[in-house]
């Protein structure tokens, strides 16, 4: 028989892991978006509609297209594991490789 404390510990661990899972705004399901602190049904619908038009390029693109997402909200979402093109808010995108044939 498994002790109740072991079961509780396992459940807490699974919930904690789920809370730190990364969610990309371009791929997240409606349920994943609704589960984010600071996201409501209206913002979820707006994200879903906007990304159907064109995927989000980066956080500034999200802040421009989604009403209610500014620097504070973007930082909060990023702390929850939300990413745009794999990038956390405030994280610089990967530099493009230099083309050796092009002039500086």
PDB file of N, CA and C in Angstrom:
ATOM      1  N   UNK A   1       0.840  -1.184   0.000  1.00  0.00           N
ATOM      2  CA  UNK A   1       0.000   0.000   0.000  1.00  0.00           C
ATOM      3  C   UNK A   1       0.886   1.249   0.000  1.00  0.00           C
ATOM      4  N   UNK A   2       0.553   2.201  -0.839  1.00  0.00           N
ATOM      5  CA  UNK A   2       1.335   3.436  -0.967  1.00  0.00           C
ATOM      6  C   UNK A   2       0.852   4.436   0.085  1.00  0.00           C
ATOM      7  N   UNK A   3       1.804   5.006   0.847  1.00  0.00           N
ATOM      8  CA  UNK A   3       1.402   5.993   1.853  1.00  0.00           C
ATOM      9  C   UNK A   3       0.781   7.229   1.202  1.00  0.00           C
ATOM     10  N   UNK A   4      -0.186   7.837   1.886  1.00  0.00           N
ATOM     11  CA  UNK A   4      -0.870   9.022   1.357  1.00  0.00           C
ATOM     12  C   UNK A   4       0.100  10.165   1.123  1.00  0.00           C
ATOM     13  N   UNK A   5       1.116  10.282   1.953  1.00  0.00           N
ATOM     14  CA  UNK A   5       2.093  11.366   1.800  1.00  0.00           C
ATOM     15  C   UNK A   5       2.846  11.230   0.470  1.00  0.00           C
ATOM     16  N   UNK A   6       3.134  10.000   0.050  1.00  0.00           N
ATOM     17  CA  UNK A   6       3.829   9.776  -1.218  1.00  0.00           C
ATOM     18  C   UNK A   6       2.930  10.169  -2.391  1.00  0.00           C
ATOM     19  N   UNK A   7       1.660   9.844  -2.299  1.00  0.00           N
ATOM     20  CA  UNK A   7       0.710  10.209  -3.360  1.00  0.00           C
ATOM     21  C   UNK A   7       0.583  11.720  -3.443  1.00  0.00           C
ATOM     22  N   UNK A   8       0.459  12.369  -2.294  1.00  0.00           N
ATOM     23  CA  UNK A   8       0.341  13.834  -2.272  1.00  0.00           C
ATOM     24  C   UNK A   8       1.586  14.480  -2.852  1.00  0.00           C
ATOM     25  N   UNK A   9       2.746  13.959  -2.522  1.00  0.00           N
ATOM     26  CA  UNK A   9       3.999  14.500  -3.054  1.00  0.00           C
ATOM     27  C   UNK A   9       4.081  14.372  -4.561  1.00  0.00           C
ATOM     28  N   UNK A  10       3.636  13.234  -5.072  1.00  0.00           N
ATOM     29  CA  UNK A  10       3.629  13.011  -6.517  1.00  0.00           C
ATOM     30  C   UNK A  10       2.690  13.984  -7.215  1.00  0.00           C
ATOM     31  N   UNK A  11       1.529  14.189  -6.651  1.00  0.00           N
ATOM     32  CA  UNK A  11       0.548  15.117  -7.243  1.00  0.00           C
ATOM     33  C   UNK A  11       1.106  16.534  -7.246  1.00  0.00           C
ATOM     34  N   UNK A  12       1.706  16.950  -6.146  1.00  0.00           N
ATOM     35  CA  UNK A  12       2.285  18.300  -6.062  1.00  0.00           C
ATOM     36  C   UNK A  12       3.386  18.467  -7.112  1.00  0.00           C
ATOM     37  N   UNK A  13       4.216  17.456  -7.275  1.00  0.00           N
ATOM     38  CA  UNK A  13       5.297  17.515  -8.259  1.00  0.00           C
ATOM     39  C   UNK A  13       4.743  17.645  -9.676  1.00  0.00           C
ATOM     40  N   UNK A  14       3.715  16.861 -10.005  1.00  0.00           N
ATOM     41  CA  UNK A  14       3.117  16.932 -11.341  1.00  0.00           C
ATOM     42  C   UNK A  14       2.488  18.290 -11.607  1.00  0.00           C
ATOM     43  N   UNK A  15       1.808  18.842 -10.626  1.00  0.00           N
ATOM     44  CA  UNK A  15       1.193  20.162 -10.785  1.00  0.00           C
ATOM     45  C   UNK A  15       2.266  21.221 -10.972  1.00  0.00           C
ATOM     46  N   UNK A  16       3.341  21.145 -10.209  1.00  0.00           N
ATOM     47  CA  UNK A  16       4.428  22.121 -10.327  1.00  0.00           C
ATOM     48  C   UNK A  16       5.080  22.037 -11.704  1.00  0.00           C
ATOM     49  N   UNK A  17       5.279  20.822 -12.200  1.00  0.00           N
ATOM     50  CA  UNK A  17       5.881  20.673 -13.519  1.00  0.00           C
ATOM     51  C   UNK A  17       4.975  21.252 -14.599  1.00  0.00           C
ATOM     52  N   UNK A  18       3.679  21.028 -14.476  1.00  0.00           N
ATOM     53  CA  UNK A  18       2.732  21.567 -15.454  1.00  0.00           C
ATOM     54  C   UNK A  18       2.731  23.086 -15.418  1.00  0.00           C
ATOM     55  N   UNK A  19       2.866  23.670 -14.230  1.00  0.00           N
ATOM     56  CA  UNK A  19       2.854  25.121 -14.091  1.00  0.00           C
ATOM     57  C   UNK A  19       4.073  25.756 -14.762  1.00  0.00           C
ATOM     58  N   UNK A  20       5.187  25.033 -14.839  1.00  0.00           N
ATOM     59  CA  UNK A  20       6.402  25.587 -15.425  1.00  0.00           C
ATOM     60  C   UNK A  20       6.606  25.167 -16.872  1.00  0.00           C
ATOM     61  N   UNK A  21       5.632  24.496 -17.439  1.00  0.00           N
ATOM     62  CA  UNK A  21       5.746  24.087 -18.834  1.00  0.00           C
ATOM     63  C   UNK A  21       5.737  25.312 -19.740  1.00  0.00           C
ATOM     64  N   UNK A  22       6.540  25.261 -20.771  1.00  0.00           N
ATOM     65  CA  UNK A  22       6.560  26.380 -21.709  1.00  0.00           C
ATOM     66  C   UNK A  22       5.382  26.284 -22.669  1.00  0.00           C
ATOM     67  N   UNK A  23       4.797  27.435 -22.944  1.00  0.00           N
ATOM     68  CA  UNK A  23       3.646  27.543 -23.835  1.00  0.00           C
ATOM     69  C   UNK A  23       3.983  28.587 -24.885  1.00  0.00           C
ATOM     70  N   UNK A  24       3.950  28.195 -26.151  1.00  0.00           N
ATOM     71  CA  UNK A  24       4.208  29.156 -27.222  1.00  0.00           C
ATOM     72  C   UNK A  24       2.881  29.747 -27.680  1.00  0.00           C
ATOM     73  N   UNK A  25       2.805  31.078 -27.732  1.00  0.00           N
ATOM     74  CA  UNK A  25       1.554  31.742 -28.121  1.00  0.00           C
ATOM     75  C   UNK A  25       1.085  31.332 -29.511  1.00  0.00           C
ATOM     76  N   UNK A  26       1.993  30.933 -30.367  1.00  0.00           N
ATOM     77  CA  UNK A  26       1.616  30.536 -31.717  1.00  0.00           C
ATOM     78  C   UNK A  26       1.077  29.110 -31.793  1.00  0.00           C
ATOM     79  N   UNK A  27       1.237  28.338 -30.722  1.00  0.00           N
ATOM     80  CA  UNK A  27       0.847  26.928 -30.758  1.00  0.00           C
ATOM     81  C   UNK A  27      -0.096  26.525 -29.631  1.00  0.00           C
ATOM     82  N   UNK A  28      -0.245  27.349 -28.613  1.00  0.00           N
ATOM     83  CA  UNK A  28      -1.019  26.986 -27.426  1.00  0.00           C
ATOM     84  C   UNK A  28      -2.490  26.754 -27.755  1.00  0.00           C
ATOM     85  N   UNK A  29      -3.073  25.785 -27.057  1.00  0.00           N
ATOM     86  CA  UNK A  29      -4.500  25.521 -27.222  1.00  0.00           C
ATOM     87  C   UNK A  29      -5.302  26.560 -26.444  1.00  0.00           C
ATOM     88  N   UNK A  30      -6.574  26.603 -26.726  1.00  0.00           N
ATOM     89  CA  UNK A  30      -7.471  27.519 -26.013  1.00  0.00           C
ATOM     90  C   UNK A  30      -7.445  27.225 -24.513  1.00  0.00           C
ATOM     91  N   UNK A  31      -7.419  25.973 -24.151  1.00  0.00           N
ATOM     92  CA  UNK A  31      -7.388  25.577 -22.731  1.00  0.00           C
ATOM     93  C   UNK A  31      -6.081  26.040 -22.083  1.00  0.00           C
ATOM     94  N   UNK A  32      -4.958  25.883 -22.777  1.00  0.00           N
ATOM     95  CA  UNK A  32      -3.671  26.329 -22.223  1.00  0.00           C
ATOM     96  C   UNK A  32      -3.671  27.838 -22.008  1.00  0.00           C
ATOM     97  N   UNK A  33      -4.198  28.583 -22.981  1.00  0.00           N
ATOM     98  CA  UNK A  33      -4.228  30.039 -22.844  1.00  0.00           C
ATOM     99  C   UNK A  33      -5.156  30.468 -21.706  1.00  0.00           C
ATOM    100  N   UNK A  34      -6.335  29.861 -21.629  1.00  0.00           N
ATOM    101  CA  UNK A  34      -7.284  30.195 -20.555  1.00  0.00           C
ATOM    102  C   UNK A  34      -6.717  29.896 -19.174  1.00  0.00           C
ATOM    103  N   UNK A  35      -5.790  28.948 -19.102  1.00  0.00           N
ATOM    104  CA  UNK A  35      -5.203  28.575 -17.823  1.00  0.00           C
ATOM    105  C   UNK A  35      -4.123  29.521 -17.332  1.00  0.00           C
ATOM    106  N   UNK A  36      -3.748  30.480 -18.137  1.00  0.00           N
ATOM    107  CA  UNK A  36      -2.693  31.416 -17.747  1.00  0.00           C
ATOM    108  C   UNK A  36      -3.251  32.504 -16.847  1.00  0.00           C
ATOM    109  N   UNK A  37      -2.508  32.837 -15.819  1.00  0.00           N
ATOM    110  CA  UNK A  37      -2.894  33.936 -14.934  1.00  0.00           C
ATOM    111  C   UNK A  37      -2.815  35.233 -15.739  1.00  0.00           C
ATOM    112  N   UNK A  38      -3.903  35.997 -15.711  1.00  0.00           N
ATOM    113  CA  UNK A  38      -3.933  37.251 -16.450  1.00  0.00           C
ATOM    114  C   UNK A  38      -4.567  37.123 -17.825  1.00  0.00           C
ATOM    115  N   UNK A  39      -4.924  35.899 -18.203  1.00  0.00           N
ATOM    116  CA  UNK A  39      -5.594  35.659 -19.481  1.00  0.00           C
ATOM    117  C   UNK A  39      -7.044  35.336 -19.195  1.00  0.00           C
ATOM    118  N   UNK A  40      -7.929  35.941 -19.942  1.00  0.00           N
ATOM    119  CA  UNK A  40      -9.342  35.621 -19.842  1.00  0.00           C
ATOM    120  C   UNK A  40      -9.836  35.154 -21.192  1.00  0.00           C
ATOM    121  N   UNK A  41     -11.105  34.804 -21.267  1.00  0.00           N
ATOM    122  CA  UNK A  41     -11.658  34.325 -22.540  1.00  0.00           C
ATOM    123  C   UNK A  41     -11.507  35.326 -23.687  1.00  0.00           C
ATOM    124  N   UNK A  42     -11.677  36.613 -23.404  1.00  0.00           N
ATOM    125  CA  UNK A  42     -11.580  37.625 -24.470  1.00  0.00           C
ATOM    126  C   UNK A  42     -10.156  37.692 -25.024  1.00  0.00           C
ATOM    127  N   UNK A  43      -9.155  37.668 -24.153  1.00  0.00           N
ATOM    128  CA  UNK A  43      -7.771  37.739 -24.611  1.00  0.00           C
ATOM    129  C   UNK A  43      -7.396  36.448 -25.351  1.00  0.00           C
ATOM    130  N   UNK A  44      -7.887  35.328 -24.861  1.00  0.00           N
ATOM    131  CA  UNK A  44      -7.637  34.054 -25.534  1.00  0.00           C
ATOM    132  C   UNK A  44      -8.188  34.092 -26.954  1.00  0.00           C
ATOM    133  N   UNK A  45      -9.420  34.562 -27.112  1.00  0.00           N
ATOM    134  CA  UNK A  45     -10.023  34.656 -28.453  1.00  0.00           C
ATOM    135  C   UNK A  45      -9.201  35.576 -29.351  1.00  0.00           C
ATOM    136  N   UNK A  46      -8.768  36.691 -28.786  1.00  0.00           N
ATOM    137  CA  UNK A  46      -7.996  37.652 -29.574  1.00  0.00           C
ATOM    138  C   UNK A  46      -6.676  37.031 -30.048  1.00  0.00           C
ATOM    139  N   UNK A  47      -5.988  36.316 -29.165  1.00  0.00           N
ATOM    140  CA  UNK A  47      -4.731  35.661 -29.543  1.00  0.00           C
ATOM    141  C   UNK A  47      -4.990  34.628 -30.637  1.00  0.00           C
ATOM    142  N   UNK A  48      -6.027  33.819 -30.449  1.00  0.00           N
ATOM    143  CA  UNK A  48      -6.348  32.780 -31.431  1.00  0.00           C
ATOM    144  C   UNK A  48      -6.659  33.401 -32.805  1.00  0.00           C
ATOM    145  N   UNK A  49      -7.414  34.491 -32.815  1.00  0.00           N
ATOM    146  CA  UNK A  49      -7.775  35.146 -34.078  1.00  0.00           C
ATOM    147  C   UNK A  49      -6.561  35.780 -34.749  1.00  0.00           C
ATOM    148  N   UNK A  50      -5.754  36.467 -33.970  1.00  0.00           N
ATOM    149  CA  UNK A  50      -4.589  37.165 -34.538  1.00  0.00           C
ATOM    150  C   UNK A  50      -3.557  36.197 -35.096  1.00  0.00           C
ATOM    151  N   UNK A  51      -3.326  35.113 -34.392  1.00  0.00           N
ATOM    152  CA  UNK A  51      -2.298  34.182 -34.884  1.00  0.00           C
ATOM    153  C   UNK A  51      -2.776  33.412 -36.106  1.00  0.00           C
ATOM    154  N   UNK A  52      -4.106  33.325 -36.319  1.00  0.00           N
ATOM    155  CA  UNK A  52      -4.614  32.717 -37.553  1.00  0.00           C
ATOM    156  C   UNK A  52      -4.278  33.598 -38.748  1.00  0.00           C
ATOM    157  N   UNK A  53      -4.325  34.915 -38.539  1.00  0.00           N
ATOM    158  CA  UNK A  53      -3.983  35.846 -39.621  1.00  0.00           C
ATOM    159  C   UNK A  53      -2.518  35.683 -39.995  1.00  0.00           C
ATOM    160  N   UNK A  54      -1.671  35.745 -38.977  1.00  0.00           N
ATOM    161  CA  UNK A  54      -0.222  35.642 -39.140  1.00  0.00           C
ATOM    162  C   UNK A  54       0.371  35.269 -37.788  1.00  0.00           C
ATOM    163  N   UNK A  55       1.277  34.299 -37.731  1.00  0.00           N
ATOM    164  CA  UNK A  55       1.896  33.965 -36.444  1.00  0.00           C
ATOM    165  C   UNK A  55       2.629  35.177 -35.861  1.00  0.00           C
ATOM    166  N   UNK A  56       2.692  35.212 -34.541  1.00  0.00           N
ATOM    167  CA  UNK A  56       3.416  36.289 -33.871  1.00  0.00           C
ATOM    168  C   UNK A  56       4.904  36.126 -34.143  1.00  0.00           C
ATOM    169  N   UNK A  57       5.568  37.230 -34.491  1.00  0.00           N
ATOM    170  CA  UNK A  57       7.003  37.208 -34.780  1.00  0.00           C
ATOM    171  C   UNK A  57       7.834  37.271 -33.501  1.00  0.00           C
ATOM    172  N   UNK A  58       7.381  38.125 -32.574  1.00  0.00           N
ATOM    173  CA  UNK A  58       8.142  38.359 -31.349  1.00  0.00           C
ATOM    174  C   UNK A  58       7.234  39.058 -30.345  1.00  0.00           C
ATOM    175  N   UNK A  59       7.768  39.360 -29.168  1.00  0.00           N
ATOM    176  CA  UNK A  59       6.952  39.999 -28.138  1.00  0.00           C
ATOM    177  C   UNK A  59       6.452  41.386 -28.545  1.00  0.00           C
ATOM    178  N   UNK A  60       7.266  42.230 -29.186  1.00  0.00           N
ATOM    179  CA  UNK A  60       6.726  43.521 -29.627  1.00  0.00           C
ATOM    180  C   UNK A  60       5.533  43.362 -30.572  1.00  0.00           C
ATOM    181  N   UNK A  61       5.564  42.338 -31.416  1.00  0.00           N
ATOM    182  CA  UNK A  61       4.445  42.057 -32.313  1.00  0.00           C
ATOM    183  C   UNK A  61       3.197  41.691 -31.505  1.00  0.00           C
ATOM    184  N   UNK A  62       3.364  40.879 -30.467  1.00  0.00           N
ATOM    185  CA  UNK A  62       2.239  40.516 -29.592  1.00  0.00           C
ATOM    186  C   UNK A  62       1.676  41.764 -28.935  1.00  0.00           C
ATOM    187  N   UNK A  63       2.552  42.611 -28.387  1.00  0.00           N
ATOM    188  CA  UNK A  63       2.105  43.812 -27.671  1.00  0.00           C
ATOM    189  C   UNK A  63       1.402  44.790 -28.602  1.00  0.00           C
ATOM    190  N   UNK A  64       1.774  44.798 -29.852  1.00  0.00           N
ATOM    191  CA  UNK A  64       1.134  45.684 -30.821  1.00  0.00           C
ATOM    192  C   UNK A  64      -0.247  45.159 -31.221  1.00  0.00           C
ATOM    193  N   UNK A  65      -0.390  43.854 -31.333  1.00  0.00           N
ATOM    194  CA  UNK A  65      -1.624  43.261 -31.866  1.00  0.00           C
ATOM    195  C   UNK A  65      -2.638  42.834 -30.819  1.00  0.00           C
ATOM    196  N   UNK A  66      -2.213  42.615 -29.574  1.00  0.00           N
ATOM    197  CA  UNK A  66      -3.131  42.124 -28.542  1.00  0.00           C
ATOM    198  C   UNK A  66      -3.383  43.220 -27.509  1.00  0.00           C
ATOM    199  N   UNK A  67      -4.619  43.704 -27.484  1.00  0.00           N
ATOM    200  CA  UNK A  67      -5.007  44.743 -26.536  1.00  0.00           C
ATOM    201  C   UNK A  67      -4.847  44.208 -25.108  1.00  0.00           C
ATOM    202  N   UNK A  68      -4.193  45.000 -24.279  1.00  0.00           N
ATOM    203  CA  UNK A  68      -4.010  44.609 -22.883  1.00  0.00           C
ATOM    204  C   UNK A  68      -2.675  43.952 -22.592  1.00  0.00           C
ATOM    205  N   UNK A  69      -1.879  43.686 -23.622  1.00  0.00           N
ATOM    206  CA  UNK A  69      -0.551  43.117 -23.389  1.00  0.00           C
ATOM    207  C   UNK A  69       0.481  44.215 -23.597  1.00  0.00           C
ATOM    208  N   UNK A  70       1.053  44.629 -22.491  1.00  0.00           N
ATOM    209  CA  UNK A  70       2.135  45.604 -22.490  1.00  0.00           C
ATOM    210  C   UNK A  70       3.342  44.968 -21.823  1.00  0.00           C
ATOM    211  N   UNK A  71       4.346  45.764 -21.491  1.00  0.00           N
ATOM    212  CA  UNK A  71       5.558  45.209 -20.885  1.00  0.00           C
ATOM    213  C   UNK A  71       5.311  44.423 -19.588  1.00  0.00           C
ATOM    214  N   UNK A  72       4.446  44.934 -18.696  1.00  0.00           N
ATOM    215  CA  UNK A  72       4.192  44.228 -17.435  1.00  0.00           C
ATOM    216  C   UNK A  72       3.505  42.893 -17.671  1.00  0.00           C
ATOM    217  N   UNK A  73       2.480  42.888 -18.518  1.00  0.00           N
ATOM    218  CA  UNK A  73       1.747  41.653 -18.813  1.00  0.00           C
ATOM    219  C   UNK A  73       2.668  40.670 -19.533  1.00  0.00           C
ATOM    220  N   UNK A  74       3.469  41.163 -20.476  1.00  0.00           N
ATOM    221  CA  UNK A  74       4.397  40.292 -21.203  1.00  0.00           C
ATOM    222  C   UNK A  74       5.398  39.655 -20.244  1.00  0.00           C
ATOM    223  N   UNK A  75       5.907  40.438 -19.299  1.00  0.00           N
ATOM    224  CA  UNK A  75       6.856  39.908 -18.311  1.00  0.00           C
ATOM    225  C   UNK A  75       6.187  38.855 -17.436  1.00  0.00           C
ATOM    226  N   UNK A  76       4.961  39.128 -17.003  1.00  0.00           N
ATOM    227  CA  UNK A  76       4.219  38.175 -16.176  1.00  0.00           C
ATOM    228  C   UNK A  76       3.962  36.871 -16.932  1.00  0.00           C
ATOM    229  N   UNK A  77       3.538  36.980 -18.177  1.00  0.00           N
ATOM    230  CA  UNK A  77       3.281  35.789 -18.982  1.00  0.00           C
ATOM    231  C   UNK A  77       4.569  35.005 -19.211  1.00  0.00           C
ATOM    232  N   UNK A  78       5.641  35.720 -19.473  1.00  0.00           N
ATOM    233  CA  UNK A  78       6.927  35.078 -19.703  1.00  0.00           C
ATOM    234  C   UNK A  78       7.381  34.317 -18.459  1.00  0.00           C
ATOM    235  N   UNK A  79       7.144  34.890 -17.277  1.00  0.00           N
ATOM    236  CA  UNK A  79       7.496  34.211 -16.022  1.00  0.00           C
ATOM    237  C   UNK A  79       6.697  32.920 -15.849  1.00  0.00           C
ATOM    238  N   UNK A  80       5.516  32.860 -16.459  1.00  0.00           N
ATOM    239  CA  UNK A  80       4.675  31.658 -16.400  1.00  0.00           C
ATOM    240  C   UNK A  80       5.086  30.619 -17.442  1.00  0.00           C
ATOM    241  N   UNK A  81       6.065  30.949 -18.261  1.00  0.00           N
ATOM    242  CA  UNK A  81       6.540  30.006 -19.274  1.00  0.00           C
ATOM    243  C   UNK A  81       6.055  30.292 -20.675  1.00  0.00           C
ATOM    244  N   UNK A  82       5.373  31.426 -20.873  1.00  0.00           N
ATOM    245  CA  UNK A  82       4.879  31.760 -22.206  1.00  0.00           C
ATOM    246  C   UNK A  82       6.048  32.242 -23.067  1.00  0.00           C
ATOM    247  N   UNK A  83       6.089  31.743 -24.290  1.00  0.00           N
ATOM    248  CA  UNK A  83       7.142  32.095 -25.232  1.00  0.00           C
ATOM    249  C   UNK A  83       6.526  32.518 -26.556  1.00  0.00           C
ATOM    250  N   UNK A  84       7.275  33.318 -27.304  1.00  0.00           N
ATOM    251  CA  UNK A  84       6.913  33.679 -28.674  1.00  0.00           C
ATOM    252  C   UNK A  84       8.116  33.315 -29.529  1.00  0.00           C
ATOM    253  N   UNK A  85       7.908  32.398 -30.458  1.00  0.00           N
ATOM    254  CA  UNK A  85       9.003  31.888 -31.290  1.00  0.00           C
ATOM    255  C   UNK A  85      10.147  31.374 -30.415  1.00  0.00           C
ATOM    256  N   UNK A  86       9.796  30.767 -29.280  1.00  0.00           N
ATOM    257  CA  UNK A  86      10.796  30.189 -28.378  1.00  0.00           C
ATOM    258  C   UNK A  86      11.466  31.184 -27.454  1.00  0.00           C
ATOM    259  N   UNK A  87      11.090  32.464 -27.538  1.00  0.00           N
ATOM    260  CA  UNK A  87      11.761  33.508 -26.765  1.00  0.00           C
ATOM    261  C   UNK A  87      10.911  33.987 -25.602  1.00  0.00           C
ATOM    262  N   UNK A  88      11.538  34.143 -24.458  1.00  0.00           N
ATOM    263  CA  UNK A  88      10.899  34.771 -23.308  1.00  0.00           C
ATOM    264  C   UNK A  88      10.884  36.281 -23.542  1.00  0.00           C
ATOM    265  N   UNK A  89      10.002  36.990 -22.861  1.00  0.00           N
ATOM    266  CA  UNK A  89       9.962  38.445 -22.994  1.00  0.00           C
ATOM    267  C   UNK A  89      11.273  39.026 -22.481  1.00  0.00           C
ATOM    268  N   UNK A  90      11.828  39.941 -23.242  1.00  0.00           N
ATOM    269  CA  UNK A  90      13.077  40.590 -22.850  1.00  0.00           C
ATOM    270  C   UNK A  90      14.310  39.818 -23.280  1.00  0.00           C
ATOM    271  N   UNK A  91      14.124  38.622 -23.802  1.00  0.00           N
ATOM    272  CA  UNK A  91      15.236  37.816 -24.278  1.00  0.00           C
ATOM    273  C   UNK A  91      15.471  38.170 -25.736  1.00  0.00           C
ATOM    274  N   UNK A  92      16.681  38.509 -26.061  1.00  0.00           N
ATOM    275  CA  UNK A  92      16.996  38.889 -27.435  1.00  0.00           C
ATOM    276  C   UNK A  92      16.856  37.691 -28.362  1.00  0.00           C
ATOM    277  N   UNK A  93      16.292  37.895 -29.553  1.00  0.00           N
ATOM    278  CA  UNK A  93      16.216  36.792 -30.511  1.00  0.00           C
ATOM    279  C   UNK A  93      17.606  36.358 -30.953  1.00  0.00           C
ATOM    280  N   UNK A  94      17.701  35.134 -31.402  1.00  0.00           N
ATOM    281  CA  UNK A  94      18.979  34.615 -31.879  1.00  0.00           C
ATOM    282  C   UNK A  94      19.410  35.431 -33.096  1.00  0.00           C
ATOM    283  N   UNK A  95      20.683  35.833 -33.142  1.00  0.00           N
ATOM    284  CA  UNK A  95      21.145  36.594 -34.309  1.00  0.00           C
ATOM    285  C   UNK A  95      21.136  35.718 -35.554  1.00  0.00           C
ATOM    286  N   UNK A  96      20.858  36.372 -36.665  1.00  0.00           N
ATOM    287  CA  UNK A  96      20.868  35.647 -37.936  1.00  0.00           C
ATOM    288  C   UNK A  96      22.314  35.383 -38.324  1.00  0.00           C
ATOM    289  N   UNK A  97      22.579  34.223 -38.913  1.00  0.00           N
ATOM    290  CA  UNK A  97      23.949  33.956 -39.361  1.00  0.00           C
ATOM    291  C   UNK A  97      24.346  34.951 -40.451  1.00  0.00           C
ATOM    292  N   UNK A  98      25.585  35.371 -40.411  1.00  0.00           N
ATOM    293  CA  UNK A  98      26.075  36.307 -41.406  1.00  0.00           C
ATOM    294  C   UNK A  98      26.273  35.587 -42.733  1.00  0.00           C
ATOM    295  N   UNK A  99      25.926  36.288 -43.792  1.00  0.00           N
ATOM    296  CA  UNK A  99      26.126  35.752 -45.125  1.00  0.00           C
ATOM    297  C   UNK A  99      27.537  36.138 -45.548  1.00  0.00           C
ATOM    298  N   UNK A 100      28.425  35.167 -45.720  1.00  0.00           N
ATOM    299  CA  UNK A 100      29.812  35.505 -46.053  1.00  0.00           C
ATOM    300  C   UNK A 100      29.978  36.208 -47.388  1.00  0.00           C
ATOM    301  N   UNK A 101      28.976  36.108 -48.268  1.00  0.00           N
ATOM    302  CA  UNK A 101      29.081  36.738 -49.585  1.00  0.00           C
ATOM    303  C   UNK A 101      28.634  38.193 -49.577  1.00  0.00           C
ATOM    304  N   UNK A 102      27.883  38.612 -48.554  1.00  0.00           N
ATOM    305  CA  UNK A 102      27.383  39.986 -48.556  1.00  0.00           C
ATOM    306  C   UNK A 102      28.394  40.932 -47.927  1.00  0.00           C
ATOM    307  N   UNK A 103      28.430  42.173 -48.401  1.00  0.00           N
ATOM    308  CA  UNK A 103      29.329  43.161 -47.793  1.00  0.00           C
ATOM    309  C   UNK A 103      28.819  43.553 -46.418  1.00  0.00           C
ATOM    310  N   UNK A 104      29.693  44.045 -45.584  1.00  0.00           N
ATOM    311  CA  UNK A 104      29.338  44.436 -44.214  1.00  0.00           C
ATOM    312  C   UNK A 104      28.299  45.473 -44.277  1.00  0.00           C
TER     313      UNK A 104
END
